[in-house]
Amino acid sequence: MSELQFPSKILENAVNEFSKLPGIGRKTALRLALHILKQDKESVDSFANAITTLRDEIKYCKNCYNISDSDTCSICSNPRRDHSLVCIVENVRDVMAIENTHQYQGIYHVLGGLISPMDGTGPDDLTIAPLEEKLRKGEIKEIIFALSTTMEGDTTNFYLYRKFQSYPVKFTTIARGVAIGDELEYADEVTLGRSLVDRLPFDKNAL
């Protein structure tokens, strides 16, 4: 495939930046850049401001590590949520997927990844220590493992179960209505919601 030839270095720089986004090739990046050029200045300024604000002002909840506009996210600050029930997820997208089911009334803990020796990700790279601190304080009665049903997800589930099994906590896992090998964020809302409602006791035989 021949390299794109640009009539403007400014346009080329914009395409280069767009193409750094996940799933965006250079041809798609060119279409996006040309689309921006067609917009009025107010629209472009609003777009640019939203990106800058996202990067500069977004926070991570001090309790669960979900994305938030303030130090404590709207879920953790909601007194109607069951704060003794904690759903462990890999990332913010999984929180959004579960919230869209309207089936869960507990809170979350976002690990920020999965244990994956192949990718160089170990337990110390995840937000495991703050979760254990909550267990020490006796704040948690049940932990729901809601990680993707992949090898990395199951490895992380088992590591956490072994690490925390001495605490007086009930361990459950979402029902395997989510297919083996599926990423949680791509599960449909009905299946994901039912998996939460029909969650199972977690032990080494659940893997």
C-alpha atoms as a PDB file:
ATOM      1  CA  MET A   1       0.000   0.000   0.000  1.00  0.00           C
ATOM      2  CA  SER A   2       1.472   3.347  -1.023  1.00  0.00           C
ATOM      3  CA  GLU A   3       2.150   5.962   1.639  1.00  0.00           C
ATOM      4  CA  LEU A   4      -0.384   8.792   1.820  1.00  0.00           C
ATOM      5  CA  GLN A   5       0.858  12.019   0.267  1.00  0.00           C
ATOM      6  CA  PHE A   6      -0.214  15.158   2.111  1.00  0.00           C
ATOM      7  CA  PRO A   7      -0.573  18.655   0.652  1.00  0.00           C
ATOM      8  CA  SER A   8      -0.043  20.113   4.137  1.00  0.00           C
ATOM      9  CA  LYS A   9       2.328  19.290   6.967  1.00  0.00           C
ATOM     10  CA  ILE A  10      -0.319  20.522   9.425  1.00  0.00           C
ATOM     11  CA  LEU A  11      -2.808  17.998   8.020  1.00  0.00           C
ATOM     12  CA  GLU A  12      -0.201  15.247   8.142  1.00  0.00           C
ATOM     13  CA  ASN A  13       0.528  15.987  11.799  1.00  0.00           C
ATOM     14  CA  ALA A  14      -3.192  15.811  12.634  1.00  0.00           C
ATOM     15  CA  VAL A  15      -3.499  12.470  10.804  1.00  0.00           C
ATOM     16  CA  ASN A  16      -0.484  11.140  12.679  1.00  0.00           C
ATOM     17  CA  GLU A  17      -2.108  12.006  16.007  1.00  0.00           C
ATOM     18  CA  PHE A  18      -5.508  10.517  15.097  1.00  0.00           C
ATOM     19  CA  SER A  19      -3.818   7.317  13.888  1.00  0.00           C
ATOM     20  CA  LYS A  20      -2.345   6.779  17.360  1.00  0.00           C
ATOM     21  CA  LEU A  21      -5.855   6.019  18.643  1.00  0.00           C
ATOM     22  CA  PRO A  22      -6.790   2.311  19.025  1.00  0.00           C
ATOM     23  CA  GLY A  23      -8.310   0.849  15.870  1.00  0.00           C
ATOM     24  CA  ILE A  24      -7.705   3.955  13.773  1.00  0.00           C
ATOM     25  CA  GLY A  25      -5.666   3.433  10.599  1.00  0.00           C
ATOM     26  CA  ARG A  26      -4.158   6.264   8.591  1.00  0.00           C
ATOM     27  CA  LYS A  27      -6.983   6.373   6.039  1.00  0.00           C
ATOM     28  CA  THR A  28      -9.588   6.596   8.791  1.00  0.00           C
ATOM     29  CA  ALA A  29      -7.418   9.193  10.536  1.00  0.00           C
ATOM     30  CA  LEU A  30      -7.389  11.248   7.323  1.00  0.00           C
ATOM     31  CA  ARG A  31     -11.198  11.106   7.127  1.00  0.00           C
ATOM     32  CA  LEU A  32     -11.444  12.299  10.721  1.00  0.00           C
ATOM     33  CA  ALA A  33      -9.007  15.148  10.147  1.00  0.00           C
ATOM     34  CA  LEU A  34     -10.844  16.280   7.013  1.00  0.00           C
ATOM     35  CA  HIS A  35     -14.146  16.070   8.904  1.00  0.00           C
ATOM     36  CA  ILE A  36     -12.715  18.381  11.580  1.00  0.00           C
ATOM     37  CA  LEU A  37     -11.737  20.851   8.876  1.00  0.00           C
ATOM     38  CA  LYS A  38     -15.367  21.070   7.739  1.00  0.00           C
ATOM     39  CA  GLN A  39     -16.636  21.989  11.204  1.00  0.00           C
ATOM     40  CA  ASP A  40     -17.080  25.551  12.454  1.00  0.00           C
ATOM     41  CA  LYS A  41     -14.536  26.913  14.935  1.00  0.00           C
ATOM     42  CA  GLU A  42     -16.927  26.693  17.883  1.00  0.00           C
ATOM     43  CA  SER A  43     -17.496  22.968  17.324  1.00  0.00           C
ATOM     44  CA  VAL A  44     -13.781  22.266  16.944  1.00  0.00           C
ATOM     45  CA  ASP A  45     -12.944  24.302  20.050  1.00  0.00           C
ATOM     46  CA  SER A  46     -15.591  22.385  22.005  1.00  0.00           C
ATOM     47  CA  PHE A  47     -14.122  19.073  20.810  1.00  0.00           C
ATOM     48  CA  ALA A  48     -10.579  20.103  21.702  1.00  0.00           C
ATOM     49  CA  ASN A  49     -11.684  21.405  25.096  1.00  0.00           C
ATOM     50  CA  ALA A  50     -13.462  18.128  25.909  1.00  0.00           C
ATOM     51  CA  ILE A  51     -10.267  16.172  25.186  1.00  0.00           C
ATOM     52  CA  THR A  52      -8.097  18.541  27.223  1.00  0.00           C
ATOM     53  CA  THR A  53     -10.535  18.555  30.127  1.00  0.00           C
ATOM     54  CA  LEU A  54     -10.722  14.750  30.050  1.00  0.00           C
ATOM     55  CA  ARG A  55      -6.951  14.470  30.344  1.00  0.00           C
ATOM     56  CA  ASP A  56      -6.442  17.249  32.895  1.00  0.00           C
ATOM     57  CA  GLU A  57      -9.446  16.991  35.198  1.00  0.00           C
ATOM     58  CA  ILE A  58     -10.636  13.368  35.264  1.00  0.00           C
ATOM     59  CA  LYS A  59     -10.135  11.667  38.618  1.00  0.00           C
ATOM     60  CA  TYR A  60     -10.069   8.116  39.870  1.00  0.00           C
ATOM     61  CA  CYS A  61     -12.316   7.323  42.816  1.00  0.00           C
ATOM     62  CA  LYS A  62     -10.253   7.006  45.991  1.00  0.00           C
ATOM     63  CA  ASN A  63     -12.422   4.068  47.095  1.00  0.00           C
ATOM     64  CA  CYS A  64     -12.922   1.908  44.010  1.00  0.00           C
ATOM     65  CA  TYR A  65     -10.661   3.414  41.273  1.00  0.00           C
ATOM     66  CA  ASN A  66     -13.576   4.017  38.926  1.00  0.00           C
ATOM     67  CA  ILE A  67     -13.351   7.126  36.741  1.00  0.00           C
ATOM     68  CA  SER A  68     -15.022  10.100  38.401  1.00  0.00           C
ATOM     69  CA  ASP A  69     -15.441  13.867  38.272  1.00  0.00           C
ATOM     70  CA  SER A  70     -14.664  14.061  41.994  1.00  0.00           C
ATOM     71  CA  ASP A  71     -12.528  12.229  44.551  1.00  0.00           C
ATOM     72  CA  THR A  72     -15.386   9.814  45.278  1.00  0.00           C
ATOM     73  CA  CYS A  73     -17.466   8.426  42.395  1.00  0.00           C
ATOM     74  CA  SER A  74     -21.257   8.633  42.270  1.00  0.00           C
ATOM     75  CA  ILE A  75     -21.567   4.902  43.022  1.00  0.00           C
ATOM     76  CA  CYS A  76     -19.421   4.920  46.158  1.00  0.00           C
ATOM     77  CA  SER A  77     -21.070   8.105  47.420  1.00  0.00           C
ATOM     78  CA  ASN A  78     -24.575   6.689  46.977  1.00  0.00           C
ATOM     79  CA  PRO A  79     -25.935   5.703  50.426  1.00  0.00           C
ATOM     80  CA  ARG A  80     -28.478   3.384  48.794  1.00  0.00           C
ATOM     81  CA  ARG A  81     -25.738   1.094  47.465  1.00  0.00           C
ATOM     82  CA  ASP A  82     -24.703  -1.936  49.535  1.00  0.00           C
ATOM     83  CA  HIS A  83     -21.113  -1.081  50.518  1.00  0.00           C
ATOM     84  CA  SER A  84     -20.507  -4.533  51.979  1.00  0.00           C
ATOM     85  CA  LEU A  85     -20.951  -6.122  48.532  1.00  0.00           C
ATOM     86  CA  VAL A  86     -17.948  -5.551  46.250  1.00  0.00           C
ATOM     87  CA  CYS A  87     -17.790  -6.547  42.598  1.00  0.00           C
ATOM     88  CA  ILE A  88     -14.215  -6.924  41.346  1.00  0.00           C
ATOM     89  CA  VAL A  89     -13.722  -5.913  37.704  1.00  0.00           C
ATOM     90  CA  GLU A  90     -10.781  -5.393  35.401  1.00  0.00           C
ATOM     91  CA  ASN A  91     -11.476  -1.885  34.138  1.00  0.00           C
ATOM     92  CA  VAL A  92     -13.876   1.048  33.943  1.00  0.00           C
ATOM     93  CA  ARG A  93     -15.595  -0.352  30.834  1.00  0.00           C
ATOM     94  CA  ASP A  94     -16.687  -3.357  32.902  1.00  0.00           C
ATOM     95  CA  VAL A  95     -18.231  -1.075  35.538  1.00  0.00           C
ATOM     96  CA  MET A  96     -20.217   0.635  32.775  1.00  0.00           C
ATOM     97  CA  ALA A  97     -21.323  -2.720  31.321  1.00  0.00           C
ATOM     98  CA  ILE A  98     -22.607  -3.994  34.682  1.00  0.00           C
ATOM     99  CA  GLU A  99     -24.292  -0.698  35.560  1.00  0.00           C
ATOM    100  CA  ASN A 100     -26.192  -0.853  32.272  1.00  0.00           C
ATOM    101  CA  THR A 101     -27.851  -4.098  33.434  1.00  0.00           C
ATOM    102  CA  HIS A 102     -29.550  -2.286  36.381  1.00  0.00           C
ATOM    103  CA  GLN A 103     -29.250  -5.588  38.280  1.00  0.00           C
ATOM    104  CA  TYR A 104     -26.478  -4.753  40.737  1.00  0.00           C
ATOM    105  CA  GLN A 105     -26.745  -2.580  43.843  1.00  0.00           C
ATOM    106  CA  GLY A 106     -23.344  -3.069  45.459  1.00  0.00           C
ATOM    107  CA  ILE A 107     -20.119  -1.188  44.810  1.00  0.00           C
ATOM    108  CA  TYR A 108     -17.037  -2.005  42.721  1.00  0.00           C
ATOM    109  CA  HIS A 109     -13.305  -2.391  42.898  1.00  0.00           C
ATOM    110  CA  VAL A 110     -11.437  -1.739  39.631  1.00  0.00           C
ATOM    111  CA  LEU A 111      -8.184  -3.707  39.476  1.00  0.00           C
ATOM    112  CA  GLY A 112      -6.785  -1.789  36.533  1.00  0.00           C
ATOM    113  CA  GLY A 113      -5.790  -4.946  34.677  1.00  0.00           C
ATOM    114  CA  LEU A 114      -5.313  -8.691  35.053  1.00  0.00           C
ATOM    115  CA  ILE A 115      -2.391 -10.807  36.170  1.00  0.00           C
ATOM    116  CA  SER A 116      -0.581 -11.749  32.965  1.00  0.00           C
ATOM    117  CA  PRO A 117       3.052 -12.890  33.143  1.00  0.00           C
ATOM    118  CA  MET A 118       3.193 -12.853  29.327  1.00  0.00           C
ATOM    119  CA  ASP A 119       2.458  -9.120  29.382  1.00  0.00           C
ATOM    120  CA  GLY A 120       4.643  -8.459  32.397  1.00  0.00           C
ATOM    121  CA  THR A 121       1.651  -7.656  34.636  1.00  0.00           C
ATOM    122  CA  GLY A 122       1.911  -8.972  38.168  1.00  0.00           C
ATOM    123  CA  PRO A 123      -0.140  -8.550  41.358  1.00  0.00           C
ATOM    124  CA  ASP A 124       1.844  -5.475  42.387  1.00  0.00           C
ATOM    125  CA  ASP A 125       0.692  -3.703  39.212  1.00  0.00           C
ATOM    126  CA  LEU A 126      -2.961  -3.972  40.250  1.00  0.00           C
ATOM    127  CA  THR A 127      -4.980  -2.224  42.995  1.00  0.00           C
ATOM    128  CA  ILE A 128      -4.957  -5.283  45.251  1.00  0.00           C
ATOM    129  CA  ALA A 129      -3.442  -3.691  48.376  1.00  0.00           C
ATOM    130  CA  PRO A 130      -6.299  -1.158  48.888  1.00  0.00           C
ATOM    131  CA  LEU A 131      -8.817  -3.985  48.485  1.00  0.00           C
ATOM    132  CA  GLU A 132      -7.087  -6.011  51.190  1.00  0.00           C
ATOM    133  CA  GLU A 133      -7.139  -2.979  53.468  1.00  0.00           C
ATOM    134  CA  LYS A 134     -10.951  -2.912  53.190  1.00  0.00           C
ATOM    135  CA  LEU A 135     -11.026  -6.601  54.108  1.00  0.00           C
ATOM    136  CA  ARG A 136      -8.853  -5.966  57.170  1.00  0.00           C
ATOM    137  CA  LYS A 137     -11.287  -3.287  58.313  1.00  0.00           C
ATOM    138  CA  GLY A 138     -14.196  -5.723  58.007  1.00  0.00           C
ATOM    139  CA  GLU A 139     -16.031  -3.504  55.515  1.00  0.00           C
ATOM    140  CA  ILE A 140     -16.714  -6.323  53.022  1.00  0.00           C
ATOM    141  CA  LYS A 141     -19.115  -9.252  53.453  1.00  0.00           C
ATOM    142  CA  GLU A 142     -19.138 -10.581  49.891  1.00  0.00           C
ATOM    143  CA  ILE A 143     -16.739 -10.370  46.968  1.00  0.00           C
ATOM    144  CA  ILE A 144     -18.068 -11.024  43.473  1.00  0.00           C
ATOM    145  CA  PHE A 145     -15.461 -12.010  40.913  1.00  0.00           C
ATOM    146  CA  ALA A 146     -16.616 -10.447  37.628  1.00  0.00           C
ATOM    147  CA  LEU A 147     -13.473 -10.723  35.541  1.00  0.00           C
ATOM    148  CA  SER A 148     -13.441 -11.823  31.922  1.00  0.00           C
ATOM    149  CA  THR A 149     -13.608 -15.602  31.474  1.00  0.00           C
ATOM    150  CA  THR A 150     -10.136 -15.824  29.960  1.00  0.00           C
ATOM    151  CA  MET A 151      -6.985 -17.506  31.233  1.00  0.00           C
ATOM    152  CA  GLU A 152      -5.792 -14.174  32.646  1.00  0.00           C
ATOM    153  CA  GLY A 153      -9.159 -13.542  34.289  1.00  0.00           C
ATOM    154  CA  ASP A 154      -9.270 -16.993  35.885  1.00  0.00           C
ATOM    155  CA  THR A 155      -5.645 -16.672  37.040  1.00  0.00           C
ATOM    156  CA  THR A 156      -6.459 -13.367  38.720  1.00  0.00           C
ATOM    157  CA  ASN A 157      -9.616 -14.778  40.310  1.00  0.00           C
ATOM    158  CA  PHE A 158      -7.697 -17.698  41.792  1.00  0.00           C
ATOM    159  CA  TYR A 159      -4.837 -15.513  43.027  1.00  0.00           C
ATOM    160  CA  LEU A 160      -7.248 -13.189  44.848  1.00  0.00           C
ATOM    161  CA  TYR A 161      -9.230 -16.105  46.270  1.00  0.00           C
ATOM    162  CA  ARG A 162      -6.083 -17.726  47.687  1.00  0.00           C
ATOM    163  CA  LYS A 163      -4.812 -14.398  49.024  1.00  0.00           C
ATOM    164  CA  PHE A 164      -8.078 -13.425  50.733  1.00  0.00           C
ATOM    165  CA  GLN A 165      -9.558 -16.779  51.757  1.00  0.00           C
ATOM    166  CA  SER A 166      -8.512 -16.332  55.405  1.00  0.00           C
ATOM    167  CA  TYR A 167     -10.900 -13.368  55.733  1.00  0.00           C
ATOM    168  CA  PRO A 168     -14.522 -14.032  56.820  1.00  0.00           C
ATOM    169  CA  VAL A 169     -15.937 -13.113  53.434  1.00  0.00           C
ATOM    170  CA  LYS A 170     -18.262 -14.878  51.021  1.00  0.00           C
ATOM    171  CA  PHE A 171     -16.713 -15.372  47.570  1.00  0.00           C
ATOM    172  CA  THR A 172     -18.945 -15.643  44.519  1.00  0.00           C
ATOM    173  CA  THR A 173     -18.428 -15.451  40.780  1.00  0.00           C
ATOM    174  CA  ILE A 174     -20.797 -14.390  38.036  1.00  0.00           C
ATOM    175  CA  ALA A 175     -22.641 -17.325  36.470  1.00  0.00           C
ATOM    176  CA  ARG A 176     -21.051 -18.682  33.339  1.00  0.00           C
ATOM    177  CA  GLY A 177     -23.816 -17.375  31.142  1.00  0.00           C
ATOM    178  CA  VAL A 178     -20.894 -15.305  29.926  1.00  0.00           C
ATOM    179  CA  ALA A 179     -19.181 -17.610  27.454  1.00  0.00           C
ATOM    180  CA  ILE A 180     -15.685 -18.933  28.178  1.00  0.00           C
ATOM    181  CA  GLY A 181     -13.127 -16.652  26.563  1.00  0.00           C
ATOM    182  CA  ASP A 182     -15.511 -13.704  26.224  1.00  0.00           C
ATOM    183  CA  GLU A 183     -14.562 -10.178  27.246  1.00  0.00           C
ATOM    184  CA  LEU A 184     -17.058  -8.919  29.822  1.00  0.00           C
ATOM    185  CA  GLU A 185     -17.638  -5.561  28.126  1.00  0.00           C
ATOM    186  CA  TYR A 186     -18.989  -7.286  24.982  1.00  0.00           C
ATOM    187  CA  ALA A 187     -21.600  -9.409  26.772  1.00  0.00           C
ATOM    188  CA  ASP A 188     -25.190  -8.343  26.161  1.00  0.00           C
ATOM    189  CA  GLU A 189     -26.968  -6.668  29.070  1.00  0.00           C
ATOM    190  CA  VAL A 190     -29.529  -9.432  29.657  1.00  0.00           C
ATOM    191  CA  THR A 191     -26.870 -12.173  29.839  1.00  0.00           C
ATOM    192  CA  LEU A 192     -24.593 -10.090  32.032  1.00  0.00           C
ATOM    193  CA  GLY A 193     -27.427  -9.082  34.342  1.00  0.00           C
ATOM    194  CA  ARG A 194     -28.574 -12.681  34.727  1.00  0.00           C
ATOM    195  CA  SER A 195     -24.984 -13.764  35.417  1.00  0.00           C
ATOM    196  CA  LEU A 196     -24.879 -11.339  38.340  1.00  0.00           C
ATOM    197  CA  VAL A 197     -28.249 -12.399  39.751  1.00  0.00           C
ATOM    198  CA  ASP A 198     -27.334 -16.108  39.437  1.00  0.00           C
ATOM    199  CA  ARG A 199     -23.769 -15.743  40.723  1.00  0.00           C
ATOM    200  CA  LEU A 200     -22.139 -18.866  42.113  1.00  0.00           C
ATOM    201  CA  PRO A 201     -19.995 -19.649  45.161  1.00  0.00           C
ATOM    202  CA  PHE A 202     -16.332 -19.257  44.227  1.00  0.00           C
ATOM    203  CA  ASP A 203     -13.750 -21.917  45.047  1.00  0.00           C
ATOM    204  CA  LYS A 204     -10.954 -23.617  43.179  1.00  0.00           C
ATOM    205  CA  ASN A 205     -13.486 -25.947  41.505  1.00  0.00           C
ATOM    206  CA  ALA A 206     -15.271 -22.928  39.953  1.00  0.00           C
ATOM    207  CA  LEU A 207     -12.419 -22.486  37.477  1.00  0.00           C
END
